[in-house]
Amino acid sequence: PFDRIVYELLPYMNKVRAPRMAFFIVSFAVAVWAARGMERLLADRQRRAPGLFGWLIVAGLLFLAGVSGALTEVARGLADPARVATAGAGRGALALGAARMLVFALLAAGLLEAWRRGRVPETAFSGAGVALGGLDLVTVDRRPFGFSTPAREPDAGRPARPPGGAA
């Protein structure tokens, strides 16, 4: 559904062959903002964490929207009309993803609060943050995305090679 947003909002994107390539710009900007935020957080001598409670509220609201089915309805609204029926098929996975997101948000907030109170040194805080982010990525990518059923034989559909290996 997010490709449709790109097609509709960005000029000339409907003429581009691979619109997902435009997402690297957004991903890069978010990564830079996250790095700048971490630098600013570590440089702050008073160890203030402004907005932490607000981010936890947002995470809680997204969790509620995910488990209640509201995000599924958003996906149906953004989906291509020919694929609206399949947009609702992932409701369980969406609810599980919302729960996973809330767990990692709470873990990150707990780590930040422990560092803020001086219970965790800066190097351990940084390392634990990287480990937490890596664990989050592992849970997201636990199964590869597939478009088709796997072949029953490794070379199914290919013509057999003649003896001797000549093609």
N, C-alpha and C. Protein backbone atom coordinates (compact mmCIF):
# COMPACT_ATOMS: atom_id res chain seq x y z
N PRO A 1 0.81 -1.21 0.00
CA PRO A 1 0.00 0.00 0.00
C PRO A 1 0.85 1.27 0.00
N PHE A 2 2.07 1.21 0.52
CA PHE A 2 2.88 2.42 0.58
C PHE A 2 3.38 2.83 -0.80
N ASP A 3 3.53 1.88 -1.70
CA ASP A 3 3.92 2.22 -3.07
C ASP A 3 2.88 3.13 -3.71
N ARG A 4 1.63 2.89 -3.40
CA ARG A 4 0.56 3.70 -3.97
C ARG A 4 0.68 5.16 -3.52
N ILE A 5 1.09 5.36 -2.25
CA ILE A 5 1.29 6.72 -1.76
C ILE A 5 2.39 7.40 -2.57
N VAL A 6 3.46 6.68 -2.83
CA VAL A 6 4.56 7.24 -3.61
C VAL A 6 4.08 7.57 -5.02
N TYR A 7 3.34 6.65 -5.62
CA TYR A 7 2.83 6.90 -6.96
C TYR A 7 1.94 8.13 -7.02
N GLU A 8 1.11 8.32 -6.01
CA GLU A 8 0.14 9.41 -6.03
C GLU A 8 0.75 10.76 -5.67
N LEU A 9 1.68 10.79 -4.73
CA LEU A 9 2.17 12.07 -4.21
C LEU A 9 3.40 12.61 -4.92
N LEU A 10 4.33 11.75 -5.27
CA LEU A 10 5.57 12.24 -5.88
C LEU A 10 5.40 12.37 -7.39
N PRO A 11 5.82 13.51 -7.93
CA PRO A 11 5.66 13.69 -9.37
C PRO A 11 6.55 12.75 -10.17
N TYR A 12 6.01 12.25 -11.26
CA TYR A 12 6.70 11.37 -12.22
C TYR A 12 7.10 10.01 -11.67
N MET A 13 6.67 9.65 -10.46
CA MET A 13 7.03 8.34 -9.92
C MET A 13 6.29 7.22 -10.64
N ASN A 14 5.16 7.52 -11.25
CA ASN A 14 4.44 6.48 -11.98
C ASN A 14 5.15 6.12 -13.28
N LYS A 15 6.17 6.88 -13.65
CA LYS A 15 6.94 6.58 -14.84
C LYS A 15 8.26 5.86 -14.53
N VAL A 16 8.57 5.74 -13.25
CA VAL A 16 9.81 5.10 -12.83
C VAL A 16 9.60 3.58 -12.75
N ARG A 17 10.61 2.86 -13.11
CA ARG A 17 10.51 1.41 -13.16
C ARG A 17 10.51 0.77 -11.77
N ALA A 18 11.24 1.32 -10.83
CA ALA A 18 11.34 0.74 -9.50
C ALA A 18 11.09 1.81 -8.44
N PRO A 19 9.83 2.06 -8.09
CA PRO A 19 9.53 3.14 -7.15
C PRO A 19 10.06 2.89 -5.75
N ARG A 20 10.31 1.63 -5.40
CA ARG A 20 10.82 1.37 -4.05
C ARG A 20 12.22 1.91 -3.85
N MET A 21 12.91 2.18 -4.94
CA MET A 21 14.25 2.75 -4.81
C MET A 21 14.18 4.13 -4.17
N ALA A 22 13.04 4.80 -4.27
CA ALA A 22 12.90 6.12 -3.66
C ALA A 22 12.86 6.03 -2.13
N PHE A 23 12.51 4.87 -1.60
CA PHE A 23 12.43 4.73 -0.15
C PHE A 23 13.79 4.78 0.52
N PHE A 24 14.88 4.56 -0.23
CA PHE A 24 16.19 4.65 0.41
C PHE A 24 16.46 6.07 0.86
N ILE A 25 15.89 7.05 0.20
CA ILE A 25 16.09 8.45 0.60
C ILE A 25 15.44 8.67 1.97
N VAL A 26 14.23 8.19 2.13
CA VAL A 26 13.54 8.32 3.41
C VAL A 26 14.26 7.53 4.48
N SER A 27 14.69 6.31 4.16
CA SER A 27 15.40 5.47 5.13
C SER A 27 16.69 6.13 5.57
N PHE A 28 17.42 6.70 4.62
CA PHE A 28 18.67 7.36 4.96
C PHE A 28 18.42 8.57 5.86
N ALA A 29 17.39 9.35 5.55
CA ALA A 29 17.08 10.52 6.38
C ALA A 29 16.70 10.10 7.80
N VAL A 30 15.91 9.06 7.94
CA VAL A 30 15.53 8.57 9.27
C VAL A 30 16.75 8.07 10.03
N ALA A 31 17.65 7.36 9.34
CA ALA A 31 18.87 6.87 10.00
C ALA A 31 19.75 8.03 10.47
N VAL A 32 19.86 9.08 9.65
CA VAL A 32 20.66 10.25 10.04
C VAL A 32 20.02 10.94 11.23
N TRP A 33 18.71 11.11 11.22
CA TRP A 33 18.02 11.74 12.36
C TRP A 33 18.20 10.91 13.63
N ALA A 34 18.13 9.60 13.51
CA ALA A 34 18.32 8.73 14.68
C ALA A 34 19.74 8.88 15.22
N ALA A 35 20.73 8.92 14.33
CA ALA A 35 22.11 9.08 14.77
C ALA A 35 22.33 10.44 15.44
N ARG A 36 21.75 11.48 14.86
CA ARG A 36 21.88 12.81 15.46
C ARG A 36 21.18 12.85 16.83
N GLY A 37 20.05 12.21 16.93
CA GLY A 37 19.35 12.15 18.21
C GLY A 37 20.15 11.42 19.26
N MET A 38 20.81 10.32 18.87
CA MET A 38 21.64 9.58 19.82
C MET A 38 22.85 10.41 20.24
N GLU A 39 23.47 11.11 19.28
CA GLU A 39 24.60 11.99 19.64
C GLU A 39 24.16 13.07 20.61
N ARG A 40 23.02 13.66 20.35
CA ARG A 40 22.52 14.71 21.22
C ARG A 40 22.17 14.17 22.59
N LEU A 41 21.60 12.98 22.63
CA LEU A 41 21.24 12.36 23.91
C LEU A 41 22.49 12.06 24.72
N LEU A 42 23.52 11.52 24.08
CA LEU A 42 24.75 11.19 24.80
C LEU A 42 25.53 12.44 25.21
N ALA A 43 25.39 13.53 24.46
CA ALA A 43 26.10 14.77 24.78
C ALA A 43 25.41 15.56 25.89
N ASP A 44 24.15 15.28 26.16
CA ASP A 44 23.40 16.02 27.17
C ASP A 44 23.86 15.60 28.56
N ARG A 45 24.45 16.53 29.27
CA ARG A 45 25.01 16.20 30.58
C ARG A 45 23.93 16.01 31.65
N GLN A 46 22.76 16.59 31.47
CA GLN A 46 21.69 16.40 32.45
C GLN A 46 20.93 15.10 32.20
N ARG A 47 21.23 14.45 31.09
CA ARG A 47 20.59 13.18 30.73
C ARG A 47 19.07 13.29 30.68
N ARG A 48 18.61 14.33 30.04
CA ARG A 48 17.18 14.47 29.85
C ARG A 48 16.74 13.62 28.67
N ALA A 49 15.56 13.09 28.75
CA ALA A 49 14.98 12.31 27.65
C ALA A 49 13.64 12.94 27.28
N PRO A 50 13.69 14.08 26.57
CA PRO A 50 12.44 14.76 26.26
C PRO A 50 11.59 13.94 25.29
N GLY A 51 10.33 13.89 25.57
CA GLY A 51 9.41 13.22 24.66
C GLY A 51 9.31 11.72 24.84
N LEU A 52 10.00 11.14 25.80
CA LEU A 52 9.96 9.68 25.98
C LEU A 52 8.55 9.20 26.28
N PHE A 53 7.87 9.90 27.17
CA PHE A 53 6.51 9.50 27.52
C PHE A 53 5.58 9.64 26.32
N GLY A 54 5.78 10.68 25.51
CA GLY A 54 4.96 10.87 24.31
C GLY A 54 5.16 9.74 23.31
N TRP A 55 6.42 9.31 23.12
CA TRP A 55 6.69 8.20 22.21
C TRP A 55 6.06 6.90 22.71
N LEU A 56 6.05 6.70 24.02
CA LEU A 56 5.41 5.50 24.57
C LEU A 56 3.90 5.55 24.36
N ILE A 57 3.31 6.72 24.44
CA ILE A 57 1.87 6.86 24.16
C ILE A 57 1.59 6.53 22.70
N VAL A 58 2.43 7.03 21.79
CA VAL A 58 2.27 6.73 20.36
C VAL A 58 2.40 5.22 20.12
N ALA A 59 3.39 4.59 20.76
CA ALA A 59 3.57 3.14 20.61
C ALA A 59 2.34 2.39 21.13
N GLY A 60 1.80 2.84 22.25
CA GLY A 60 0.60 2.20 22.79
C GLY A 60 -0.61 2.36 21.88
N LEU A 61 -0.75 3.54 21.29
CA LEU A 61 -1.87 3.77 20.37
C LEU A 61 -1.72 2.92 19.10
N LEU A 62 -0.50 2.82 18.59
CA LEU A 62 -0.27 1.96 17.42
C LEU A 62 -0.54 0.50 17.75
N PHE A 63 -0.18 0.08 18.96
CA PHE A 63 -0.48 -1.28 19.39
C PHE A 63 -1.99 -1.52 19.42
N LEU A 64 -2.72 -0.58 20.00
CA LEU A 64 -4.17 -0.73 20.07
C LEU A 64 -4.80 -0.74 18.67
N ALA A 65 -4.29 0.10 17.79
CA ALA A 65 -4.80 0.13 16.42
C ALA A 65 -4.47 -1.17 15.69
N GLY A 66 -3.32 -1.75 15.99
CA GLY A 66 -2.94 -3.00 15.33
C GLY A 66 -3.76 -4.19 15.79
N VAL A 67 -3.98 -4.30 17.08
CA VAL A 67 -4.73 -5.46 17.58
C VAL A 67 -6.24 -5.31 17.40
N SER A 68 -6.72 -4.07 17.27
CA SER A 68 -8.16 -3.88 17.09
C SER A 68 -8.60 -4.05 15.64
N GLY A 69 -7.65 -4.01 14.71
CA GLY A 69 -8.00 -4.15 13.30
C GLY A 69 -8.09 -2.83 12.56
N ALA A 70 -7.84 -1.73 13.25
CA ALA A 70 -7.92 -0.42 12.60
C ALA A 70 -6.84 -0.27 11.53
N LEU A 71 -5.65 -0.80 11.77
CA LEU A 71 -4.59 -0.72 10.76
C LEU A 71 -4.91 -1.59 9.54
N THR A 72 -5.64 -2.68 9.75
CA THR A 72 -6.05 -3.51 8.63
C THR A 72 -7.00 -2.74 7.73
N GLU A 73 -7.89 -1.96 8.33
CA GLU A 73 -8.80 -1.15 7.54
C GLU A 73 -8.06 -0.05 6.78
N VAL A 74 -7.00 0.49 7.39
CA VAL A 74 -6.18 1.48 6.68
C VAL A 74 -5.52 0.81 5.48
N ALA A 75 -5.01 -0.42 5.68
CA ALA A 75 -4.38 -1.15 4.57
C ALA A 75 -5.40 -1.42 3.46
N ARG A 76 -6.62 -1.76 3.83
CA ARG A 76 -7.65 -1.99 2.81
C ARG A 76 -7.95 -0.71 2.05
N GLY A 77 -7.93 0.41 2.74
CA GLY A 77 -8.20 1.69 2.08
C GLY A 77 -7.10 2.11 1.13
N LEU A 78 -5.86 1.72 1.44
CA LEU A 78 -4.73 2.09 0.60
C LEU A 78 -4.44 1.07 -0.50
N ALA A 79 -5.01 -0.12 -0.37
CA ALA A 79 -4.68 -1.20 -1.30
C ALA A 79 -5.28 -0.95 -2.69
N ASP A 80 -4.64 -1.56 -3.66
CA ASP A 80 -5.13 -1.54 -5.04
C ASP A 80 -6.52 -2.20 -5.04
N PRO A 81 -7.50 -1.65 -5.74
CA PRO A 81 -8.86 -2.21 -5.71
C PRO A 81 -8.91 -3.70 -6.06
N ALA A 82 -8.01 -4.16 -6.89
CA ALA A 82 -8.01 -5.59 -7.26
C ALA A 82 -7.49 -6.47 -6.14
N ARG A 83 -6.82 -5.88 -5.14
CA ARG A 83 -6.22 -6.68 -4.07
C ARG A 83 -6.77 -6.36 -2.69
N VAL A 84 -7.93 -5.75 -2.62
CA VAL A 84 -8.50 -5.38 -1.33
C VAL A 84 -8.77 -6.62 -0.48
N ALA A 85 -9.18 -7.71 -1.11
CA ALA A 85 -9.48 -8.92 -0.35
C ALA A 85 -8.25 -9.47 0.35
N THR A 86 -7.10 -9.35 -0.27
CA THR A 86 -5.88 -9.88 0.35
C THR A 86 -5.33 -8.95 1.42
N ALA A 87 -5.77 -7.71 1.45
CA ALA A 87 -5.27 -6.77 2.46
C ALA A 87 -5.70 -7.19 3.86
N GLY A 88 -6.85 -7.81 3.99
CA GLY A 88 -7.32 -8.25 5.30
C GLY A 88 -6.76 -9.58 5.74
N ALA A 89 -6.09 -10.28 4.85
CA ALA A 89 -5.57 -11.61 5.19
C ALA A 89 -4.43 -11.55 6.20
N GLY A 90 -3.75 -10.43 6.29
CA GLY A 90 -2.63 -10.32 7.20
C GLY A 90 -2.97 -9.70 8.54
N ARG A 91 -4.22 -9.77 8.94
CA ARG A 91 -4.64 -9.13 10.19
C ARG A 91 -3.92 -9.72 11.40
N GLY A 92 -3.76 -11.04 11.43
CA GLY A 92 -3.07 -11.67 12.56
C GLY A 92 -1.60 -11.28 12.61
N ALA A 93 -0.96 -11.25 11.45
CA ALA A 93 0.45 -10.85 11.40
C ALA A 93 0.60 -9.38 11.80
N LEU A 94 -0.36 -8.56 11.42
CA LEU A 94 -0.31 -7.15 11.78
C LEU A 94 -0.46 -6.97 13.29
N ALA A 95 -1.35 -7.72 13.91
CA ALA A 95 -1.51 -7.65 15.36
C ALA A 95 -0.26 -8.15 16.07
N LEU A 96 0.35 -9.22 15.56
CA LEU A 96 1.59 -9.72 16.15
C LEU A 96 2.71 -8.70 15.99
N GLY A 97 2.78 -8.05 14.84
CA GLY A 97 3.78 -7.02 14.62
C GLY A 97 3.57 -5.82 15.54
N ALA A 98 2.33 -5.47 15.80
CA ALA A 98 2.04 -4.36 16.71
C ALA A 98 2.48 -4.71 18.13
N ALA A 99 2.26 -5.95 18.54
CA ALA A 99 2.70 -6.39 19.86
C ALA A 99 4.23 -6.40 19.94
N ARG A 100 4.88 -6.87 18.89
CA ARG A 100 6.34 -6.89 18.85
C ARG A 100 6.89 -5.46 18.93
N MET A 101 6.26 -4.55 18.22
CA MET A 101 6.69 -3.15 18.24
C MET A 101 6.57 -2.57 19.64
N LEU A 102 5.47 -2.87 20.33
CA LEU A 102 5.28 -2.34 21.68
C LEU A 102 6.32 -2.91 22.64
N VAL A 103 6.62 -4.20 22.51
CA VAL A 103 7.63 -4.81 23.38
C VAL A 103 8.98 -4.14 23.19
N PHE A 104 9.39 -3.94 21.94
CA PHE A 104 10.68 -3.32 21.70
C PHE A 104 10.69 -1.84 22.09
N ALA A 105 9.59 -1.16 21.96
CA ALA A 105 9.51 0.24 22.41
C ALA A 105 9.66 0.32 23.92
N LEU A 106 9.02 -0.61 24.63
CA LEU A 106 9.14 -0.62 26.09
C LEU A 106 10.56 -1.00 26.53
N LEU A 107 11.18 -1.95 25.83
CA LEU A 107 12.56 -2.31 26.15
C LEU A 107 13.51 -1.14 25.90
N ALA A 108 13.33 -0.44 24.80
CA ALA A 108 14.18 0.70 24.50
C ALA A 108 13.96 1.82 25.52
N ALA A 109 12.72 2.06 25.89
CA ALA A 109 12.43 3.10 26.88
C ALA A 109 13.01 2.71 28.24
N GLY A 110 12.93 1.45 28.59
CA GLY A 110 13.52 0.99 29.85
C GLY A 110 15.03 1.15 29.85
N LEU A 111 15.67 0.82 28.73
CA LEU A 111 17.12 0.99 28.61
C LEU A 111 17.49 2.46 28.72
N LEU A 112 16.74 3.31 28.05
CA LEU A 112 17.00 4.76 28.11
C LEU A 112 16.81 5.30 29.53
N GLU A 113 15.78 4.85 30.20
CA GLU A 113 15.53 5.32 31.57
C GLU A 113 16.62 4.83 32.53
N ALA A 114 17.08 3.58 32.34
CA ALA A 114 18.17 3.07 33.18
C ALA A 114 19.45 3.87 32.95
N TRP A 115 19.74 4.22 31.71
CA TRP A 115 20.92 5.04 31.42
C TRP A 115 20.75 6.44 32.01
N ARG A 116 19.56 6.98 31.87
CA ARG A 116 19.31 8.33 32.36
C ARG A 116 19.51 8.43 33.87
N ARG A 117 19.15 7.38 34.58
CA ARG A 117 19.31 7.38 36.04
C ARG A 117 20.72 7.00 36.48
N GLY A 118 21.60 6.70 35.51
CA GLY A 118 22.98 6.40 35.85
C GLY A 118 23.25 4.95 36.18
N ARG A 119 22.32 4.07 35.93
CA ARG A 119 22.49 2.64 36.24
C ARG A 119 23.24 1.89 35.14
N VAL A 120 23.32 2.49 33.96
CA VAL A 120 23.99 1.85 32.82
C VAL A 120 25.01 2.85 32.27
N PRO A 121 26.30 2.45 32.14
CA PRO A 121 27.28 3.38 31.55
C PRO A 121 27.02 3.62 30.07
N GLU A 122 27.60 4.69 29.55
CA GLU A 122 27.34 5.09 28.16
C GLU A 122 27.72 4.02 27.15
N THR A 123 28.86 3.37 27.35
CA THR A 123 29.28 2.35 26.38
C THR A 123 28.33 1.16 26.40
N ALA A 124 27.90 0.75 27.58
CA ALA A 124 26.94 -0.35 27.67
C ALA A 124 25.58 0.07 27.10
N PHE A 125 25.21 1.32 27.32
CA PHE A 125 23.96 1.84 26.78
C PHE A 125 23.98 1.80 25.25
N SER A 126 25.09 2.27 24.67
CA SER A 126 25.20 2.26 23.21
C SER A 126 25.21 0.83 22.67
N GLY A 127 25.98 -0.05 23.28
CA GLY A 127 26.03 -1.44 22.83
C GLY A 127 24.69 -2.14 22.97
N ALA A 128 24.02 -1.91 24.09
CA ALA A 128 22.71 -2.53 24.29
C ALA A 128 21.69 -1.98 23.31
N GLY A 129 21.82 -0.71 22.97
CA GLY A 129 20.91 -0.13 21.97
C GLY A 129 21.11 -0.75 20.60
N VAL A 130 22.37 -0.96 20.23
CA VAL A 130 22.65 -1.61 18.94
C VAL A 130 22.16 -3.06 18.97
N ALA A 131 22.38 -3.75 20.08
CA ALA A 131 21.92 -5.14 20.19
C ALA A 131 20.40 -5.22 20.15
N LEU A 132 19.74 -4.30 20.80
CA LEU A 132 18.28 -4.27 20.79
C LEU A 132 17.74 -3.99 19.39
N GLY A 133 18.37 -3.06 18.69
CA GLY A 133 17.98 -2.79 17.31
C GLY A 133 18.22 -3.99 16.40
N GLY A 134 19.34 -4.67 16.59
CA GLY A 134 19.63 -5.87 15.79
C GLY A 134 18.64 -6.98 16.08
N LEU A 135 18.30 -7.17 17.35
CA LEU A 135 17.31 -8.19 17.70
C LEU A 135 15.95 -7.87 17.10
N ASP A 136 15.60 -6.61 17.10
CA ASP A 136 14.35 -6.18 16.46
C ASP A 136 14.36 -6.53 14.98
N LEU A 137 15.47 -6.25 14.30
CA LEU A 137 15.56 -6.57 12.87
C LEU A 137 15.49 -8.08 12.64
N VAL A 138 16.09 -8.86 13.52
CA VAL A 138 16.03 -10.32 13.37
C VAL A 138 14.60 -10.81 13.52
N THR A 139 13.84 -10.24 14.46
CA THR A 139 12.46 -10.69 14.63
C THR A 139 11.58 -10.28 13.46
N VAL A 140 11.91 -9.16 12.82
CA VAL A 140 11.14 -8.73 11.65
C VAL A 140 11.44 -9.63 10.46
N ASP A 141 12.71 -9.94 10.26
CA ASP A 141 13.13 -10.72 9.09
C ASP A 141 13.29 -12.20 9.39
N ARG A 142 12.52 -12.73 10.32
CA ARG A 142 12.68 -14.14 10.70
C ARG A 142 12.31 -15.09 9.57
N ARG A 143 11.43 -14.68 8.70
CA ARG A 143 11.07 -15.50 7.53
C ARG A 143 11.25 -14.66 6.29
N PRO A 144 11.92 -15.20 5.29
CA PRO A 144 12.07 -14.41 4.07
C PRO A 144 10.74 -14.26 3.34
N PHE A 145 10.59 -13.16 2.66
CA PHE A 145 9.38 -12.87 1.91
C PHE A 145 9.41 -13.67 0.62
N GLY A 146 8.35 -14.39 0.31
CA GLY A 146 8.33 -15.21 -0.90
C GLY A 146 7.11 -14.92 -1.75
N PHE A 147 7.28 -14.99 -3.04
CA PHE A 147 6.19 -14.72 -3.97
C PHE A 147 5.59 -15.98 -4.56
N SER A 148 6.32 -17.09 -4.54
CA SER A 148 5.83 -18.30 -5.19
C SER A 148 6.18 -19.51 -4.35
N THR A 149 5.58 -20.62 -4.70
CA THR A 149 5.89 -21.85 -3.99
C THR A 149 7.25 -22.35 -4.45
N PRO A 150 8.00 -23.02 -3.57
CA PRO A 150 9.32 -23.51 -3.97
C PRO A 150 9.20 -24.67 -4.96
N ALA A 151 10.20 -24.81 -5.79
CA ALA A 151 10.22 -25.89 -6.77
C ALA A 151 10.45 -27.22 -6.06
N ARG A 152 9.89 -28.28 -6.61
CA ARG A 152 10.07 -29.61 -6.01
C ARG A 152 11.46 -30.16 -6.30
N GLU A 153 12.02 -29.76 -7.42
CA GLU A 153 13.37 -30.19 -7.79
C GLU A 153 14.19 -28.94 -8.03
N PRO A 154 15.50 -29.00 -7.74
CA PRO A 154 16.31 -27.79 -7.89
C PRO A 154 16.29 -27.18 -9.29
N ASP A 155 16.28 -28.00 -10.33
CA ASP A 155 16.31 -27.48 -11.69
C ASP A 155 14.99 -27.72 -12.40
N ALA A 156 13.89 -27.71 -11.67
CA ALA A 156 12.59 -27.97 -12.30
C ALA A 156 12.29 -26.89 -13.32
N GLY A 157 11.87 -27.29 -14.50
CA GLY A 157 11.52 -26.34 -15.53
C GLY A 157 12.65 -26.03 -16.50
N ARG A 158 13.87 -26.38 -16.14
CA ARG A 158 15.00 -26.15 -17.03
C ARG A 158 15.22 -27.37 -17.91
N PRO A 159 15.66 -27.16 -19.10
CA PRO A 159 15.98 -28.32 -19.93
C PRO A 159 17.19 -29.05 -19.39
N ALA A 160 17.18 -30.35 -19.52
CA ALA A 160 18.30 -31.16 -19.02
C ALA A 160 19.55 -30.88 -19.83
N ARG A 161 20.68 -30.89 -19.15
CA ARG A 161 21.97 -30.69 -19.84
C ARG A 161 22.43 -31.99 -20.48
N PRO A 162 23.05 -31.88 -21.62
CA PRO A 162 23.58 -33.09 -22.24
C PRO A 162 24.76 -33.62 -21.44
N PRO A 163 25.05 -34.90 -21.54
CA PRO A 163 26.19 -35.47 -20.80
C PRO A 163 27.48 -34.76 -21.18
N GLY A 164 28.36 -34.62 -20.24
CA GLY A 164 29.64 -33.95 -20.49
C GLY A 164 29.61 -32.49 -20.07
N GLY A 165 28.48 -31.94 -19.68
CA GLY A 165 28.38 -30.58 -19.18
C GLY A 165 28.32 -29.50 -20.23
N ALA A 166 28.33 -29.85 -21.53
CA ALA A 166 28.23 -28.81 -22.55
C ALA A 166 26.81 -28.28 -22.59
N ALA A 167 26.71 -27.00 -22.72
CA ALA A 167 25.38 -26.41 -22.73
C ALA A 167 24.88 -26.21 -24.14
